[in-house]
Amino acid sequence: SNGDLGGMILFGAFLVYGVVDRIAVKRRGDVG
């Protein structure tokens, strides 16, 4: 819902982090 460059970088960074961190905790066997 945000088309400006700053918003795309900010929210995109959080989305990438969320996806990568989920992969990392799964690899560690962390089932929460």
Full PDB file with SEQRES, HELIX, SHEET, SSBOND, CRYST1, ORIGX, SCALE, CONECT and MASTER records, all heavy atoms in Angstrom:
SEQRES   1 A   32  SER ASN GLY ASP LEU GLY GLY MET ILE LEU PHE GLY ALA          
SEQRES   2 A   32  PHE LEU VAL TYR GLY VAL VAL ASP ARG ILE ALA VAL LYS          
SEQRES   3 A   32  ARG ARG GLY ASP VAL GLY                                      
HELIX    1 AA1 LEU A    5  ARG A   27  1                                  23    
CRYST1    1.000    1.000    1.000  90.00  90.00  90.00 P 1           1          
ORIGX1      1.000000  0.000000  0.000000        0.00000                         
ORIGX2      0.000000  1.000000  0.000000        0.00000                         
ORIGX3      0.000000  0.000000  1.000000        0.00000                         
SCALE1      1.000000  0.000000  0.000000        0.00000                         
SCALE2      0.000000  1.000000  0.000000        0.00000                         
SCALE3      0.000000  0.000000  1.000000        0.00000                         
ATOM      1  N   SER A   1       0.803  -1.225   0.000  1.00  0.00           N  
ATOM      2  CA  SER A   1       0.000   0.000   0.000  1.00  0.00           C  
ATOM      3  C   SER A   1       0.840   1.280   0.000  1.00  0.00           C  
ATOM      4  O   SER A   1       0.296   2.379   0.075  1.00  0.00           O  
ATOM      5  CB  SER A   1      -0.950   0.010   1.206  1.00  0.00           C  
ATOM      6  OG  SER A   1      -0.222  -0.038   2.424  1.00  0.00           O  
ATOM      7  N   ASN A   2       2.171   1.150  -0.064  1.00  0.00           N  
ATOM      8  CA  ASN A   2       3.044   2.316  -0.115  1.00  0.00           C  
ATOM      9  C   ASN A   2       3.938   2.221  -1.342  1.00  0.00           C  
ATOM     10  O   ASN A   2       4.694   1.258  -1.484  1.00  0.00           O  
ATOM     11  CB  ASN A   2       3.912   2.397   1.143  1.00  0.00           C  
ATOM     12  CG  ASN A   2       3.140   2.855   2.362  1.00  0.00           C  
ATOM     13  OD1 ASN A   2       3.042   4.039   2.661  1.00  0.00           O  
ATOM     14  ND2 ASN A   2       2.560   1.890   3.079  1.00  0.00           N  
ATOM     15  N   GLY A   3       3.844   3.217  -2.194  1.00  0.00           N  
ATOM     16  CA  GLY A   3       4.609   3.179  -3.440  1.00  0.00           C  
ATOM     17  C   GLY A   3       5.832   4.064  -3.468  1.00  0.00           C  
ATOM     18  O   GLY A   3       6.532   4.112  -4.484  1.00  0.00           O  
ATOM     19  N   ASP A   4       6.120   4.773  -2.370  1.00  0.00           N  
ATOM     20  CA  ASP A   4       7.312   5.612  -2.361  1.00  0.00           C  
ATOM     21  C   ASP A   4       8.549   4.771  -2.062  1.00  0.00           C  
ATOM     22  O   ASP A   4       8.471   3.730  -1.423  1.00  0.00           O  
ATOM     23  CB  ASP A   4       7.173   6.744  -1.344  1.00  0.00           C  
ATOM     24  CG  ASP A   4       7.020   6.216   0.078  1.00  0.00           C  
ATOM     25  OD1 ASP A   4       5.945   5.688   0.389  1.00  0.00           O  
ATOM     26  OD2 ASP A   4       7.981   6.326   0.868  1.00  0.00           O  
ATOM     27  N   LEU A   5       9.698   5.240  -2.500  1.00  0.00           N  
ATOM     28  CA  LEU A   5      10.935   4.474  -2.380  1.00  0.00           C  
ATOM     29  C   LEU A   5      11.280   4.161  -0.931  1.00  0.00           C  
ATOM     30  O   LEU A   5      11.655   3.030  -0.599  1.00  0.00           O  
ATOM     31  CB  LEU A   5      12.086   5.244  -3.037  1.00  0.00           C  
ATOM     32  CG  LEU A   5      13.456   4.565  -3.001  1.00  0.00           C  
ATOM     33  CD1 LEU A   5      13.416   3.233  -3.730  1.00  0.00           C  
ATOM     34  CD2 LEU A   5      14.515   5.487  -3.606  1.00  0.00           C  
ATOM     35  N   GLY A   6      11.146   5.157  -0.048  1.00  0.00           N  
ATOM     36  CA  GLY A   6      11.463   4.942   1.358  1.00  0.00           C  
ATOM     37  C   GLY A   6      10.594   3.872   1.987  1.00  0.00           C  
ATOM     38  O   GLY A   6      11.084   2.999   2.710  1.00  0.00           O  
ATOM     39  N   GLY A   7       9.298   3.924   1.712  1.00  0.00           N  
ATOM     40  CA  GLY A   7       8.381   2.937   2.261  1.00  0.00           C  
ATOM     41  C   GLY A   7       8.669   1.540   1.735  1.00  0.00           C  
ATOM     42  O   GLY A   7       8.612   0.558   2.475  1.00  0.00           O  
ATOM     43  N   MET A   8       8.996   1.445   0.457  1.00  0.00           N  
ATOM     44  CA  MET A   8       9.295   0.147  -0.132  1.00  0.00           C  
ATOM     45  C   MET A   8      10.553  -0.459   0.484  1.00  0.00           C  
ATOM     46  O   MET A   8      10.622  -1.663   0.741  1.00  0.00           O  
ATOM     47  CB  MET A   8       9.441   0.286  -1.650  1.00  0.00           C  
ATOM     48  CG  MET A   8       8.141   0.657  -2.356  1.00  0.00           C  
ATOM     49  SD  MET A   8       8.345   0.906  -4.131  1.00  0.00           S  
ATOM     50  CE  MET A   8       8.649  -0.778  -4.649  1.00  0.00           C  
ATOM     51  N   ILE A   9      11.554   0.384   0.740  1.00  0.00           N  
ATOM     52  CA  ILE A   9      12.785  -0.110   1.367  1.00  0.00           C  
ATOM     53  C   ILE A   9      12.518  -0.529   2.809  1.00  0.00           C  
ATOM     54  O   ILE A   9      12.922  -1.619   3.240  1.00  0.00           O  
ATOM     55  CB  ILE A   9      13.887   0.973   1.332  1.00  0.00           C  
ATOM     56  CG1 ILE A   9      14.319   1.243  -0.108  1.00  0.00           C  
ATOM     57  CG2 ILE A   9      15.082   0.547   2.180  1.00  0.00           C  
ATOM     58  CD1 ILE A   9      15.271   2.416  -0.249  1.00  0.00           C  
ATOM     59  N   LEU A  10      11.834   0.328   3.571  1.00  0.00           N  
ATOM     60  CA  LEU A  10      11.589   0.059   4.988  1.00  0.00           C  
ATOM     61  C   LEU A  10      10.745  -1.194   5.189  1.00  0.00           C  
ATOM     62  O   LEU A  10      11.150  -2.134   5.900  1.00  0.00           O  
ATOM     63  CB  LEU A  10      10.900   1.264   5.631  1.00  0.00           C  
ATOM     64  CG  LEU A  10      10.551   1.110   7.112  1.00  0.00           C  
ATOM     65  CD1 LEU A  10      11.825   1.012   7.946  1.00  0.00           C  
ATOM     66  CD2 LEU A  10       9.689   2.283   7.583  1.00  0.00           C  
ATOM     67  N   PHE A  11       9.576  -1.222   4.577  1.00  0.00           N  
ATOM     68  CA  PHE A  11       8.670  -2.351   4.784  1.00  0.00           C  
ATOM     69  C   PHE A  11       9.182  -3.616   4.101  1.00  0.00           C  
ATOM     70  O   PHE A  11       8.973  -4.726   4.596  1.00  0.00           O  
ATOM     71  CB  PHE A  11       7.268  -1.989   4.298  1.00  0.00           C  
ATOM     72  CG  PHE A  11       6.719  -0.762   4.967  1.00  0.00           C  
ATOM     73  CD1 PHE A  11       6.310   0.346   4.229  1.00  0.00           C  
ATOM     74  CD2 PHE A  11       6.632  -0.692   6.349  1.00  0.00           C  
ATOM     75  CE1 PHE A  11       5.818   1.486   4.854  1.00  0.00           C  
ATOM     76  CE2 PHE A  11       6.139   0.446   6.989  1.00  0.00           C  
ATOM     77  CZ  PHE A  11       5.733   1.535   6.234  1.00  0.00           C  
ATOM     78  N   GLY A  12       9.867  -3.444   2.969  1.00  0.00           N  
ATOM     79  CA  GLY A  12      10.469  -4.587   2.307  1.00  0.00           C  
ATOM     80  C   GLY A  12      11.544  -5.233   3.160  1.00  0.00           C  
ATOM     81  O   GLY A  12      11.669  -6.460   3.207  1.00  0.00           O  
ATOM     82  N   ALA A  13      12.328  -4.399   3.866  1.00  0.00           N  
ATOM     83  CA  ALA A  13      13.383  -4.922   4.732  1.00  0.00           C  
ATOM     84  C   ALA A  13      12.794  -5.743   5.872  1.00  0.00           C  
ATOM     85  O   ALA A  13      13.309  -6.814   6.215  1.00  0.00           O  
ATOM     86  CB  ALA A  13      14.225  -3.769   5.284  1.00  0.00           C  
ATOM     87  N   PHE A  14      11.701  -5.245   6.468  1.00  0.00           N  
ATOM     88  CA  PHE A  14      11.053  -5.994   7.551  1.00  0.00           C  
ATOM     89  C   PHE A  14      10.473  -7.308   7.036  1.00  0.00           C  
ATOM     90  O   PHE A  14      10.522  -8.333   7.728  1.00  0.00           O  
ATOM     91  CB  PHE A  14       9.966  -5.153   8.207  1.00  0.00           C  
ATOM     92  CG  PHE A  14      10.456  -4.265   9.304  1.00  0.00           C  
ATOM     93  CD1 PHE A  14      10.690  -2.920   9.067  1.00  0.00           C  
ATOM     94  CD2 PHE A  14      10.700  -4.769  10.577  1.00  0.00           C  
ATOM     95  CE1 PHE A  14      11.159  -2.094  10.087  1.00  0.00           C  
ATOM     96  CE2 PHE A  14      11.161  -3.957  11.598  1.00  0.00           C  
ATOM     97  CZ  PHE A  14      11.398  -2.614  11.356  1.00  0.00           C  
ATOM     98  N   LEU A  15       9.906  -7.296   5.824  1.00  0.00           N  
ATOM     99  CA  LEU A  15       9.333  -8.515   5.267  1.00  0.00           C  
ATOM    100  C   LEU A  15      10.425  -9.548   4.991  1.00  0.00           C  
ATOM    101  O   LEU A  15      10.274 -10.734   5.321  1.00  0.00           O  
ATOM    102  CB  LEU A  15       8.569  -8.199   3.980  1.00  0.00           C  
ATOM    103  CG  LEU A  15       7.888  -9.384   3.288  1.00  0.00           C  
ATOM    104  CD1 LEU A  15       6.906 -10.070   4.222  1.00  0.00           C  
ATOM    105  CD2 LEU A  15       7.174  -8.921   2.019  1.00  0.00           C  
ATOM    106  N   VAL A  16      11.523  -9.106   4.401  1.00  0.00           N  
ATOM    107  CA  VAL A  16      12.641 -10.020   4.131  1.00  0.00           C  
ATOM    108  C   VAL A  16      13.182 -10.592   5.437  1.00  0.00           C  
ATOM    109  O   VAL A  16      13.446 -11.804   5.541  1.00  0.00           O  
ATOM    110  CB  VAL A  16      13.761  -9.291   3.354  1.00  0.00           C  
ATOM    111  CG1 VAL A  16      15.031 -10.152   3.311  1.00  0.00           C  
ATOM    112  CG2 VAL A  16      13.304  -8.959   1.947  1.00  0.00           C  
ATOM    113  N   TYR A  17      13.326  -9.721   6.443  1.00  0.00           N  
ATOM    114  CA  TYR A  17      13.824 -10.207   7.731  1.00  0.00           C  
ATOM    115  C   TYR A  17      12.890 -11.260   8.315  1.00  0.00           C  
ATOM    116  O   TYR A  17      13.329 -12.297   8.813  1.00  0.00           O  
ATOM    117  CB  TYR A  17      13.976  -9.054   8.723  1.00  0.00           C  
ATOM    118  CG  TYR A  17      14.135  -9.546  10.142  1.00  0.00           C  
ATOM    119  CD1 TYR A  17      15.310 -10.166  10.550  1.00  0.00           C  
ATOM    120  CD2 TYR A  17      13.077  -9.450  11.061  1.00  0.00           C  
ATOM    121  CE1 TYR A  17      15.439 -10.675  11.835  1.00  0.00           C  
ATOM    122  CE2 TYR A  17      13.206  -9.950  12.339  1.00  0.00           C  
ATOM    123  CZ  TYR A  17      14.396 -10.556  12.724  1.00  0.00           C  
ATOM    124  OH  TYR A  17      14.515 -11.069  13.989  1.00  0.00           O  
ATOM    125  N   GLY A  18      11.575 -10.995   8.263  1.00  0.00           N  
ATOM    126  CA  GLY A  18      10.609 -11.940   8.818  1.00  0.00           C  
ATOM    127  C   GLY A  18      10.681 -13.298   8.150  1.00  0.00           C  
ATOM    128  O   GLY A  18      10.626 -14.337   8.814  1.00  0.00           O  
ATOM    129  N   VAL A  19      10.825 -13.297   6.828  1.00  0.00           N  
ATOM    130  CA  VAL A  19      10.904 -14.556   6.082  1.00  0.00           C  
ATOM    131  C   VAL A  19      12.208 -15.289   6.393  1.00  0.00           C  
ATOM    132  O   VAL A  19      12.221 -16.493   6.682  1.00  0.00           O  
ATOM    133  CB  VAL A  19      10.792 -14.288   4.565  1.00  0.00           C  
ATOM    134  CG1 VAL A  19      11.082 -15.564   3.776  1.00  0.00           C  
ATOM    135  CG2 VAL A  19       9.411 -13.751   4.217  1.00  0.00           C  
ATOM    136  N   VAL A  20      13.331 -14.552   6.360  1.00  0.00           N  
ATOM    137  CA  VAL A  20      14.636 -15.170   6.598  1.00  0.00           C  
ATOM    138  C   VAL A  20      14.745 -15.681   8.031  1.00  0.00           C  
ATOM    139  O   VAL A  20      15.270 -16.783   8.277  1.00  0.00           O  
ATOM    140  CB  VAL A  20      15.770 -14.169   6.295  1.00  0.00           C  
ATOM    141  CG1 VAL A  20      17.130 -14.727   6.735  1.00  0.00           C  
ATOM    142  CG2 VAL A  20      15.801 -13.834   4.806  1.00  0.00           C  
ATOM    143  N   ASP A  21      14.254 -14.917   8.989  1.00  0.00           N  
ATOM    144  CA  ASP A  21      14.351 -15.344  10.381  1.00  0.00           C  
ATOM    145  C   ASP A  21      13.489 -16.579  10.631  1.00  0.00           C  
ATOM    146  O   ASP A  21      13.861 -17.456  11.418  1.00  0.00           O  
ATOM    147  CB  ASP A  21      13.926 -14.210  11.311  1.00  0.00           C  
ATOM    148  CG  ASP A  21      14.344 -14.471  12.745  1.00  0.00           C  
ATOM    149  OD1 ASP A  21      15.516 -14.825  12.967  1.00  0.00           O  
ATOM    150  OD2 ASP A  21      13.502 -14.332  13.648  1.00  0.00           O  
ATOM    151  N   ARG A  22      12.344 -16.663   9.956  1.00  0.00           N  
ATOM    152  CA  ARG A  22      11.497 -17.856  10.103  1.00  0.00           C  
ATOM    153  C   ARG A  22      12.216 -19.090   9.576  1.00  0.00           C  
ATOM    154  O   ARG A  22      12.132 -20.178  10.159  1.00  0.00           O  
ATOM    155  CB  ARG A  22      10.167 -17.651   9.363  1.00  0.00           C  
ATOM    156  CG  ARG A  22       9.199 -18.823   9.513  1.00  0.00           C  
ATOM    157  CD  ARG A  22       8.757 -18.952  10.959  1.00  0.00           C  
ATOM    158  NE  ARG A  22       7.888 -20.102  11.173  1.00  0.00           N  
ATOM    159  CZ  ARG A  22       8.310 -21.332  11.468  1.00  0.00           C  
ATOM    160  NH1 ARG A  22       9.608 -21.590  11.576  1.00  0.00           N  
ATOM    161  NH2 ARG A  22       7.433 -22.297  11.658  1.00  0.00           N  
ATOM    162  N   ILE A  23      12.935 -18.934   8.469  1.00  0.00           N  
ATOM    163  CA  ILE A  23      13.718 -20.042   7.928  1.00  0.00           C  
ATOM    164  C   ILE A  23      14.819 -20.435   8.909  1.00  0.00           C  
ATOM    165  O   ILE A  23      15.086 -21.620   9.132  1.00  0.00           O  
ATOM    166  CB  ILE A  23      14.330 -19.647   6.564  1.00  0.00           C  
ATOM    167  CG1 ILE A  23      13.217 -19.443   5.528  1.00  0.00           C  
ATOM    168  CG2 ILE A  23      15.323 -20.704   6.093  1.00  0.00           C  
ATOM    169  CD1 ILE A  23      13.701 -18.862   4.222  1.00  0.00           C  
ATOM    170  N   ALA A  24      15.442 -19.411   9.527  1.00  0.00           N  
ATOM    171  CA  ALA A  24      16.542 -19.663  10.462  1.00  0.00           C  
ATOM    172  C   ALA A  24      16.063 -20.431  11.693  1.00  0.00           C  
ATOM    173  O   ALA A  24      16.720 -21.387  12.125  1.00  0.00           O  
ATOM    174  CB  ALA A  24      17.189 -18.348  10.877  1.00  0.00           C  
ATOM    175  N   VAL A  25      14.922 -20.020  12.261  1.00  0.00           N  
ATOM    176  CA  VAL A  25      14.444 -20.714  13.465  1.00  0.00           C  
ATOM    177  C   VAL A  25      13.981 -22.129  13.125  1.00  0.00           C  
ATOM    178  O   VAL A  25      14.101 -23.051  13.942  1.00  0.00           O  
ATOM    179  CB  VAL A  25      13.304 -19.934  14.163  1.00  0.00           C  
ATOM    180  CG1 VAL A  25      13.805 -18.589  14.661  1.00  0.00           C  
ATOM    181  CG2 VAL A  25      12.099 -19.754  13.258  1.00  0.00           C  
ATOM    182  N   LYS A  26      13.478 -22.332  11.917  1.00  0.00           N  
ATOM    183  CA  LYS A  26      13.072 -23.677  11.507  1.00  0.00           C  
ATOM    184  C   LYS A  26      14.284 -24.585  11.377  1.00  0.00           C  
ATOM    185  O   LYS A  26      14.260 -25.750  11.778  1.00  0.00           O  
ATOM    186  CB  LYS A  26      12.317 -23.608  10.179  1.00  0.00           C  
ATOM    187  CG  LYS A  26      11.716 -24.939   9.749  1.00  0.00           C  
ATOM    188  CD  LYS A  26      10.866 -24.784   8.497  1.00  0.00           C  
ATOM    189  CE  LYS A  26      10.223 -26.103   8.115  1.00  0.00           C  
ATOM    190  NZ  LYS A  26       9.364 -25.969   6.897  1.00  0.00           N  
ATOM    191  N   ARG A  27      15.370 -24.036  10.832  1.00  0.00           N  
ATOM    192  CA  ARG A  27      16.602 -24.818  10.703  1.00  0.00           C  
ATOM    193  C   ARG A  27      17.188 -25.167  12.066  1.00  0.00           C  
ATOM    194  O   ARG A  27      17.830 -26.207  12.221  1.00  0.00           O  
ATOM    195  CB  ARG A  27      17.621 -24.039   9.874  1.00  0.00           C  
ATOM    196  CG  ARG A  27      17.324 -24.009   8.382  1.00  0.00           C  
ATOM    197  CD  ARG A  27      18.396 -23.265   7.621  1.00  0.00           C  
ATOM    198  NE  ARG A  27      18.150 -23.317   6.179  1.00  0.00           N  
ATOM    199  CZ  ARG A  27      18.911 -22.716   5.274  1.00  0.00           C  
ATOM    200  NH1 ARG A  27      19.967 -22.012   5.663  1.00  0.00           N  
ATOM    201  NH2 ARG A  27      18.620 -22.812   3.993  1.00  0.00           N  
ATOM    202  N   ARG A  28      16.976 -24.299  13.048  1.00  0.00           N  
ATOM    203  CA  ARG A  28      17.478 -24.575  14.393  1.00  0.00           C  
ATOM    204  C   ARG A  28      16.602 -25.582  15.126  1.00  0.00           C  
ATOM    205  O   ARG A  28      16.921 -26.020  16.224  1.00  0.00           O  
ATOM    206  CB  ARG A  28      17.540 -23.276  15.222  1.00  0.00           C  
ATOM    207  CG  ARG A  28      18.559 -22.275  14.759  1.00  0.00           C  
ATOM    208  CD  ARG A  28      18.884 -21.276  15.864  1.00  0.00           C  
ATOM    209  NE  ARG A  28      17.717 -20.581  16.364  1.00  0.00           N  
ATOM    210  CZ  ARG A  28      17.274 -19.433  15.887  1.00  0.00           C  
ATOM    211  NH1 ARG A  28      17.881 -18.856  14.859  1.00  0.00           N  
ATOM    212  NH2 ARG A  28      16.202 -18.849  16.417  1.00  0.00           N  
ATOM    213  N   GLY A  29      15.430 -25.905  14.546  1.00  0.00           N  
ATOM    214  CA  GLY A  29      14.512 -26.828  15.203  1.00  0.00           C  
ATOM    215  C   GLY A  29      13.688 -26.163  16.284  1.00  0.00           C  
ATOM    216  O   GLY A  29      13.128 -26.845  17.141  1.00  0.00           O  
ATOM    217  N   ASP A  30      13.586 -24.850  16.232  1.00  0.00           N  
ATOM    218  CA  ASP A  30      12.819 -24.107  17.229  1.00  0.00           C  
ATOM    219  C   ASP A  30      11.351 -24.135  16.838  1.00  0.00           C  
ATOM    220  O   ASP A  30      10.946 -23.518  15.858  1.00  0.00           O  
ATOM    221  CB  ASP A  30      13.334 -22.664  17.291  1.00  0.00           C  
ATOM    222  CG  ASP A  30      12.643 -21.826  18.349  1.00  0.00           C  
ATOM    223  OD1 ASP A  30      11.687 -22.327  18.969  1.00  0.00           O  
ATOM    224  OD2 ASP A  30      13.059 -20.679  18.556  1.00  0.00           O  
ATOM    225  N   VAL A  31      10.533 -24.850  17.604  1.00  0.00           N  
ATOM    226  CA  VAL A  31       9.109 -24.968  17.279  1.00  0.00           C  
ATOM    227  C   VAL A  31       8.259 -23.969  18.060  1.00  0.00           C  
ATOM    228  O   VAL A  31       7.038 -24.044  18.064  1.00  0.00           O  
ATOM    229  CB  VAL A  31       8.590 -26.400  17.540  1.00  0.00           C  
ATOM    230  CG1 VAL A  31       9.293 -27.376  16.617  1.00  0.00           C  
ATOM    231  CG2 VAL A  31       8.798 -26.800  18.996  1.00  0.00           C  
ATOM    232  N   GLY A  32       8.916 -23.033  18.734  1.00  0.00           N  
ATOM    233  CA  GLY A  32       8.181 -22.018  19.464  1.00  0.00           C  
ATOM    234  C   GLY A  32       7.364 -22.603  20.592  1.00  0.00           C  
ATOM    235  O   GLY A  32       7.849 -23.412  21.368  1.00  0.00           O  
TER     236      GLY A  32                                                      
MASTER        0    0    0    1    0    0    0    6  235    1    0    3          
END                                                                             
